[in-house]
Amino acid sequence: MSYITILLGMLGLLSAFVFFYFLKFKASTKQTERGNRIKWSKFIPYRDEASNEDSKKSQDATFKDD
């Protein structure tokens, strides 16, 4: 095993440890309940909104069921 393999392995383990360590922290309500949040539904259509839009108009091709 070369030194670069050992170094990259240790770096990977360290980064995994740091990642899982920070998973236990949660954003405060001051951060999550703020008034100027981005409305992501404008950029990312969610499943409920997508199904409502599909029923209004569909640009997909319709096929006959034979």
PDB file of N, CA and C in Angstrom:
ATOM      1  N   MET A   1       0.833  -1.169   0.000  1.00  0.00           N
ATOM      2  CA  MET A   1       0.000   0.000   0.000  1.00  0.00           C
ATOM      3  C   MET A   1       0.883   1.239   0.000  1.00  0.00           C
ATOM      4  N   SER A   2       0.521   2.188  -0.812  1.00  0.00           N
ATOM      5  CA  SER A   2       1.321   3.408  -0.862  1.00  0.00           C
ATOM      6  C   SER A   2       0.802   4.416   0.167  1.00  0.00           C
ATOM      7  N   TYR A   3       1.582   5.430   0.365  1.00  0.00           N
ATOM      8  CA  TYR A   3       1.198   6.458   1.338  1.00  0.00           C
ATOM      9  C   TYR A   3      -0.025   7.244   0.881  1.00  0.00           C
ATOM     10  N   ILE A   4      -0.173   7.414  -0.407  1.00  0.00           N
ATOM     11  CA  ILE A   4      -1.330   8.163  -0.913  1.00  0.00           C
ATOM     12  C   ILE A   4      -2.624   7.396  -0.654  1.00  0.00           C
ATOM     13  N   THR A   5      -2.606   6.076  -0.736  1.00  0.00           N
ATOM     14  CA  THR A   5      -3.793   5.265  -0.458  1.00  0.00           C
ATOM     15  C   THR A   5      -4.176   5.380   1.007  1.00  0.00           C
ATOM     16  N   ILE A   6      -3.190   5.312   1.873  1.00  0.00           N
ATOM     17  CA  ILE A   6      -3.448   5.432   3.313  1.00  0.00           C
ATOM     18  C   ILE A   6      -3.972   6.836   3.629  1.00  0.00           C
ATOM     19  N   LEU A   7      -3.372   7.851   3.022  1.00  0.00           N
ATOM     20  CA  LEU A   7      -3.788   9.224   3.264  1.00  0.00           C
ATOM     21  C   LEU A   7      -5.229   9.457   2.787  1.00  0.00           C
ATOM     22  N   LEU A   8      -5.550   8.969   1.603  1.00  0.00           N
ATOM     23  CA  LEU A   8      -6.905   9.141   1.090  1.00  0.00           C
ATOM     24  C   LEU A   8      -7.930   8.345   1.901  1.00  0.00           C
ATOM     25  N   GLY A   9      -7.552   7.178   2.388  1.00  0.00           N
ATOM     26  CA  GLY A   9      -8.431   6.395   3.249  1.00  0.00           C
ATOM     27  C   GLY A   9      -8.716   7.103   4.559  1.00  0.00           C
ATOM     28  N   MET A  10      -7.674   7.675   5.152  1.00  0.00           N
ATOM     29  CA  MET A  10      -7.852   8.416   6.404  1.00  0.00           C
ATOM     30  C   MET A  10      -8.691   9.667   6.171  1.00  0.00           C
ATOM     31  N   LEU A  11      -8.475  10.334   5.048  1.00  0.00           N
ATOM     32  CA  LEU A  11      -9.257  11.518   4.718  1.00  0.00           C
ATOM     33  C   LEU A  11     -10.731  11.154   4.520  1.00  0.00           C
ATOM     34  N   GLY A  12     -10.992  10.035   3.885  1.00  0.00           N
ATOM     35  CA  GLY A  12     -12.366   9.573   3.691  1.00  0.00           C
ATOM     36  C   GLY A  12     -13.042   9.228   5.003  1.00  0.00           C
ATOM     37  N   LEU A  13     -12.335   8.548   5.886  1.00  0.00           N
ATOM     38  CA  LEU A  13     -12.891   8.222   7.195  1.00  0.00           C
ATOM     39  C   LEU A  13     -13.152   9.476   8.020  1.00  0.00           C
ATOM     40  N   LEU A  14     -12.229  10.415   7.975  1.00  0.00           N
ATOM     41  CA  LEU A  14     -12.403  11.660   8.711  1.00  0.00           C
ATOM     42  C   LEU A  14     -13.601  12.444   8.185  1.00  0.00           C
ATOM     43  N   SER A  15     -13.744  12.527   6.874  1.00  0.00           N
ATOM     44  CA  SER A  15     -14.872  13.268   6.308  1.00  0.00           C
ATOM     45  C   SER A  15     -16.203  12.576   6.624  1.00  0.00           C
ATOM     46  N   ALA A  16     -16.245  11.247   6.620  1.00  0.00           N
ATOM     47  CA  ALA A  16     -17.461  10.524   6.989  1.00  0.00           C
ATOM     48  C   ALA A  16     -17.805  10.773   8.454  1.00  0.00           C
ATOM     49  N   PHE A  17     -16.799  10.777   9.326  1.00  0.00           N
ATOM     50  CA  PHE A  17     -17.036  11.048  10.746  1.00  0.00           C
ATOM     51  C   PHE A  17     -17.593  12.454  10.932  1.00  0.00           C
ATOM     52  N   VAL A  18     -17.016  13.439  10.284  1.00  0.00           N
ATOM     53  CA  VAL A  18     -17.483  14.820  10.404  1.00  0.00           C
ATOM     54  C   VAL A  18     -18.905  14.949   9.862  1.00  0.00           C
ATOM     55  N   PHE A  19     -19.197  14.300   8.747  1.00  0.00           N
ATOM     56  CA  PHE A  19     -20.532  14.345   8.156  1.00  0.00           C
ATOM     57  C   PHE A  19     -21.571  13.794   9.127  1.00  0.00           C
ATOM     58  N   PHE A  20     -21.322  12.612   9.690  1.00  0.00           N
ATOM     59  CA  PHE A  20     -22.286  12.014  10.602  1.00  0.00           C
ATOM     60  C   PHE A  20     -22.353  12.751  11.933  1.00  0.00           C
ATOM     61  N   TYR A  21     -21.280  13.410  12.329  1.00  0.00           N
ATOM     62  CA  TYR A  21     -21.293  14.198  13.551  1.00  0.00           C
ATOM     63  C   TYR A  21     -22.225  15.393  13.401  1.00  0.00           C
ATOM     64  N   PHE A  22     -22.177  16.069  12.256  1.00  0.00           N
ATOM     65  CA  PHE A  22     -23.002  17.250  12.045  1.00  0.00           C
ATOM     66  C   PHE A  22     -24.453  16.920  11.722  1.00  0.00           C
ATOM     67  N   LEU A  23     -24.777  15.658  11.463  1.00  0.00           N
ATOM     68  CA  LEU A  23     -26.161  15.283  11.203  1.00  0.00           C
ATOM     69  C   LEU A  23     -27.046  15.453  12.432  1.00  0.00           C
ATOM     70  N   LYS A  24     -26.466  15.421  13.609  1.00  0.00           N
ATOM     71  CA  LYS A  24     -27.278  15.500  14.814  1.00  0.00           C
ATOM     72  C   LYS A  24     -27.732  16.920  15.134  1.00  0.00           C
ATOM     73  N   PHE A  25     -27.189  17.914  14.465  1.00  0.00           N
ATOM     74  CA  PHE A  25     -27.594  19.288  14.711  1.00  0.00           C
ATOM     75  C   PHE A  25     -28.741  19.675  13.791  1.00  0.00           C
ATOM     76  N   LYS A  26     -29.663  20.443  14.329  1.00  0.00           N
ATOM     77  CA  LYS A  26     -30.834  20.870  13.568  1.00  0.00           C
ATOM     78  C   LYS A  26     -30.850  22.387  13.510  1.00  0.00           C
ATOM     79  N   ALA A  27     -31.365  22.929  12.433  1.00  0.00           N
ATOM     80  CA  ALA A  27     -31.477  24.374  12.303  1.00  0.00           C
ATOM     81  C   ALA A  27     -32.474  24.908  13.327  1.00  0.00           C
ATOM     82  N   SER A  28     -32.226  26.089  13.835  1.00  0.00           N
ATOM     83  CA  SER A  28     -33.115  26.684  14.829  1.00  0.00           C
ATOM     84  C   SER A  28     -34.395  27.170  14.162  1.00  0.00           C
ATOM     85  N   THR A  29     -35.415  27.420  14.963  1.00  0.00           N
ATOM     86  CA  THR A  29     -36.672  27.917  14.412  1.00  0.00           C
ATOM     87  C   THR A  29     -36.494  29.325  13.847  1.00  0.00           C
ATOM     88  N   LYS A  30     -35.521  30.058  14.346  1.00  0.00           N
ATOM     89  CA  LYS A  30     -35.244  31.382  13.794  1.00  0.00           C
ATOM     90  C   LYS A  30     -34.801  31.261  12.331  1.00  0.00           C
ATOM     91  N   GLN A  31     -34.083  30.195  12.009  1.00  0.00           N
ATOM     92  CA  GLN A  31     -33.643  29.978  10.640  1.00  0.00           C
ATOM     93  C   GLN A  31     -34.738  29.388   9.771  1.00  0.00           C
ATOM     94  N   THR A  32     -35.518  28.473  10.315  1.00  0.00           N
ATOM     95  CA  THR A  32     -36.511  27.769   9.500  1.00  0.00           C
ATOM     96  C   THR A  32     -37.822  28.518   9.359  1.00  0.00           C
ATOM     97  N   GLU A  33     -38.168  29.387  10.290  1.00  0.00           N
ATOM     98  CA  GLU A  33     -39.455  30.084  10.266  1.00  0.00           C
ATOM     99  C   GLU A  33     -39.315  31.544   9.850  1.00  0.00           C
ATOM    100  N   ARG A  34     -38.307  31.876   9.090  1.00  0.00           N
ATOM    101  CA  ARG A  34     -38.107  33.271   8.710  1.00  0.00           C
ATOM    102  C   ARG A  34     -39.053  33.676   7.581  1.00  0.00           C
ATOM    103  N   GLY A  35     -39.243  34.962   7.432  1.00  0.00           N
ATOM    104  CA  GLY A  35     -40.223  35.459   6.469  1.00  0.00           C
ATOM    105  C   GLY A  35     -39.724  35.516   5.040  1.00  0.00           C
ATOM    106  N   ASN A  36     -38.421  35.599   4.832  1.00  0.00           N
ATOM    107  CA  ASN A  36     -37.905  35.761   3.469  1.00  0.00           C
ATOM    108  C   ASN A  36     -37.344  34.461   2.899  1.00  0.00           C
ATOM    109  N   ARG A  37     -38.038  33.371   3.158  1.00  0.00           N
ATOM    110  CA  ARG A  37     -37.591  32.080   2.643  1.00  0.00           C
ATOM    111  C   ARG A  37     -37.858  31.978   1.151  1.00  0.00           C
ATOM    112  N   ILE A  38     -37.056  31.208   0.474  1.00  0.00           N
ATOM    113  CA  ILE A  38     -37.246  30.971  -0.957  1.00  0.00           C
ATOM    114  C   ILE A  38     -38.433  30.038  -1.150  1.00  0.00           C
ATOM    115  N   LYS A  39     -39.312  30.373  -2.051  1.00  0.00           N
ATOM    116  CA  LYS A  39     -40.451  29.522  -2.383  1.00  0.00           C
ATOM    117  C   LYS A  39     -39.979  28.486  -3.395  1.00  0.00           C
ATOM    118  N   TRP A  40     -39.535  27.339  -2.910  1.00  0.00           N
ATOM    119  CA  TRP A  40     -38.965  26.318  -3.792  1.00  0.00           C
ATOM    120  C   TRP A  40     -39.997  25.720  -4.721  1.00  0.00           C
ATOM    121  N   SER A  41     -41.271  25.780  -4.342  1.00  0.00           N
ATOM    122  CA  SER A  41     -42.295  25.202  -5.216  1.00  0.00           C
ATOM    123  C   SER A  41     -42.389  25.953  -6.540  1.00  0.00           C
ATOM    124  N   LYS A  42     -41.862  27.180  -6.575  1.00  0.00           N
ATOM    125  CA  LYS A  42     -41.841  27.926  -7.828  1.00  0.00           C
ATOM    126  C   LYS A  42     -40.801  27.334  -8.777  1.00  0.00           C
ATOM    127  N   PHE A  43     -39.722  26.772  -8.223  1.00  0.00           N
ATOM    128  CA  PHE A  43     -38.647  26.217  -9.027  1.00  0.00           C
ATOM    129  C   PHE A  43     -38.737  24.702  -9.185  1.00  0.00           C
ATOM    130  N   ILE A  44     -39.217  24.018  -8.151  1.00  0.00           N
ATOM    131  CA  ILE A  44     -39.291  22.557  -8.147  1.00  0.00           C
ATOM    132  C   ILE A  44     -40.754  22.158  -8.005  1.00  0.00           C
ATOM    133  N   PRO A  45     -41.355  21.599  -9.026  1.00  0.00           N
ATOM    134  CA  PRO A  45     -42.759  21.192  -8.893  1.00  0.00           C
ATOM    135  C   PRO A  45     -42.869  19.966  -7.991  1.00  0.00           C
ATOM    136  N   TYR A  46     -43.711  20.077  -6.982  1.00  0.00           N
ATOM    137  CA  TYR A  46     -43.912  18.958  -6.081  1.00  0.00           C
ATOM    138  C   TYR A  46     -44.986  18.047  -6.624  1.00  0.00           C
ATOM    139  N   ARG A  47     -45.096  16.867  -6.072  1.00  0.00           N
ATOM    140  CA  ARG A  47     -45.978  15.843  -6.609  1.00  0.00           C
ATOM    141  C   ARG A  47     -47.444  16.281  -6.618  1.00  0.00           C
ATOM    142  N   ASP A  48     -47.908  16.904  -5.531  1.00  0.00           N
ATOM    143  CA  ASP A  48     -49.308  17.324  -5.480  1.00  0.00           C
ATOM    144  C   ASP A  48     -49.600  18.398  -6.525  1.00  0.00           C
ATOM    145  N   GLU A  49     -48.698  19.359  -6.648  1.00  0.00           N
ATOM    146  CA  GLU A  49     -48.911  20.420  -7.618  1.00  0.00           C
ATOM    147  C   GLU A  49     -48.773  19.904  -9.041  1.00  0.00           C
ATOM    148  N   ALA A  50     -47.878  18.955  -9.266  1.00  0.00           N
ATOM    149  CA  ALA A  50     -47.695  18.415 -10.602  1.00  0.00           C
ATOM    150  C   ALA A  50     -48.939  17.648 -11.056  1.00  0.00           C
ATOM    151  N   SER A  51     -49.576  16.925 -10.136  1.00  0.00           N
ATOM    152  CA  SER A  51     -50.767  16.181 -10.519  1.00  0.00           C
ATOM    153  C   SER A  51     -51.923  17.120 -10.828  1.00  0.00           C
ATOM    154  N   ASN A  52     -51.997  18.257 -10.125  1.00  0.00           N
ATOM    155  CA  ASN A  52     -53.047  19.231 -10.430  1.00  0.00           C
ATOM    156  C   ASN A  52     -52.807  19.877 -11.784  1.00  0.00           C
ATOM    157  N   GLU A  53     -51.566  20.169 -12.103  1.00  0.00           N
ATOM    158  CA  GLU A  53     -51.255  20.766 -13.397  1.00  0.00           C
ATOM    159  C   GLU A  53     -51.510  19.787 -14.535  1.00  0.00           C
ATOM    160  N   ASP A  54     -51.249  18.501 -14.289  1.00  0.00           N
ATOM    161  CA  ASP A  54     -51.477  17.497 -15.323  1.00  0.00           C
ATOM    162  C   ASP A  54     -52.955  17.373 -15.659  1.00  0.00           C
ATOM    163  N   SER A  55     -53.798  17.522 -14.650  1.00  0.00           N
ATOM    164  CA  SER A  55     -55.222  17.406 -14.920  1.00  0.00           C
ATOM    165  C   SER A  55     -55.741  18.623 -15.667  1.00  0.00           C
ATOM    166  N   LYS A  56     -55.099  19.790 -15.497  1.00  0.00           N
ATOM    167  CA  LYS A  56     -55.541  20.998 -16.191  1.00  0.00           C
ATOM    168  C   LYS A  56     -55.185  20.941 -17.668  1.00  0.00           C
ATOM    169  N   LYS A  57     -53.912  20.709 -17.964  1.00  0.00           N
ATOM    170  CA  LYS A  57     -53.495  20.605 -19.362  1.00  0.00           C
ATOM    171  C   LYS A  57     -52.280  19.688 -19.433  1.00  0.00           C
ATOM    172  N   SER A  58     -52.269  18.882 -20.439  1.00  0.00           N
ATOM    173  CA  SER A  58     -51.167  17.955 -20.609  1.00  0.00           C
ATOM    174  C   SER A  58     -50.588  18.137 -22.003  1.00  0.00           C
ATOM    175  N   GLN A  59     -49.277  18.236 -22.069  1.00  0.00           N
ATOM    176  CA  GLN A  59     -48.637  18.390 -23.361  1.00  0.00           C
ATOM    177  C   GLN A  59     -48.076  17.062 -23.856  1.00  0.00           C
ATOM    178  N   ASP A  60     -48.322  15.990 -23.105  1.00  0.00           N
ATOM    179  CA  ASP A  60     -47.865  14.680 -23.519  1.00  0.00           C
ATOM    180  C   ASP A  60     -48.812  14.106 -24.561  1.00  0.00           C
ATOM    181  N   ALA A  61     -48.295  13.189 -25.337  1.00  0.00           N
ATOM    182  CA  ALA A  61     -49.106  12.529 -26.346  1.00  0.00           C
ATOM    183  C   ALA A  61     -50.069  11.550 -25.664  1.00  0.00           C
ATOM    184  N   THR A  62     -51.252  11.429 -26.190  1.00  0.00           N
ATOM    185  CA  THR A  62     -52.225  10.470 -25.664  1.00  0.00           C
ATOM    186  C   THR A  62     -52.281   9.284 -26.627  1.00  0.00           C
ATOM    187  N   PHE A  63     -52.332   8.094 -26.059  1.00  0.00           N
ATOM    188  CA  PHE A  63     -52.347   6.879 -26.843  1.00  0.00           C
ATOM    189  C   PHE A  63     -53.633   6.137 -26.597  1.00  0.00           C
ATOM    190  N   LYS A  64     -54.105   5.446 -27.629  1.00  0.00           N
ATOM    191  CA  LYS A  64     -55.326   4.661 -27.501  1.00  0.00           C
ATOM    192  C   LYS A  64     -55.022   3.350 -26.789  1.00  0.00           C
ATOM    193  N   ASP A  65     -55.949   2.930 -25.952  1.00  0.00           N
ATOM    194  CA  ASP A  65     -55.863   1.609 -25.314  1.00  0.00           C
ATOM    195  C   ASP A  65     -56.646   0.622 -26.163  1.00  0.00           C
ATOM    196  N   ASP A  66     -55.971  -0.292 -26.825  1.00  0.00           N
ATOM    197  CA  ASP A  66     -56.658  -1.272 -27.673  1.00  0.00           C
ATOM    198  C   ASP A  66     -56.812  -2.575 -26.965  1.00  0.00           C
TER     199      ASP A  66
END
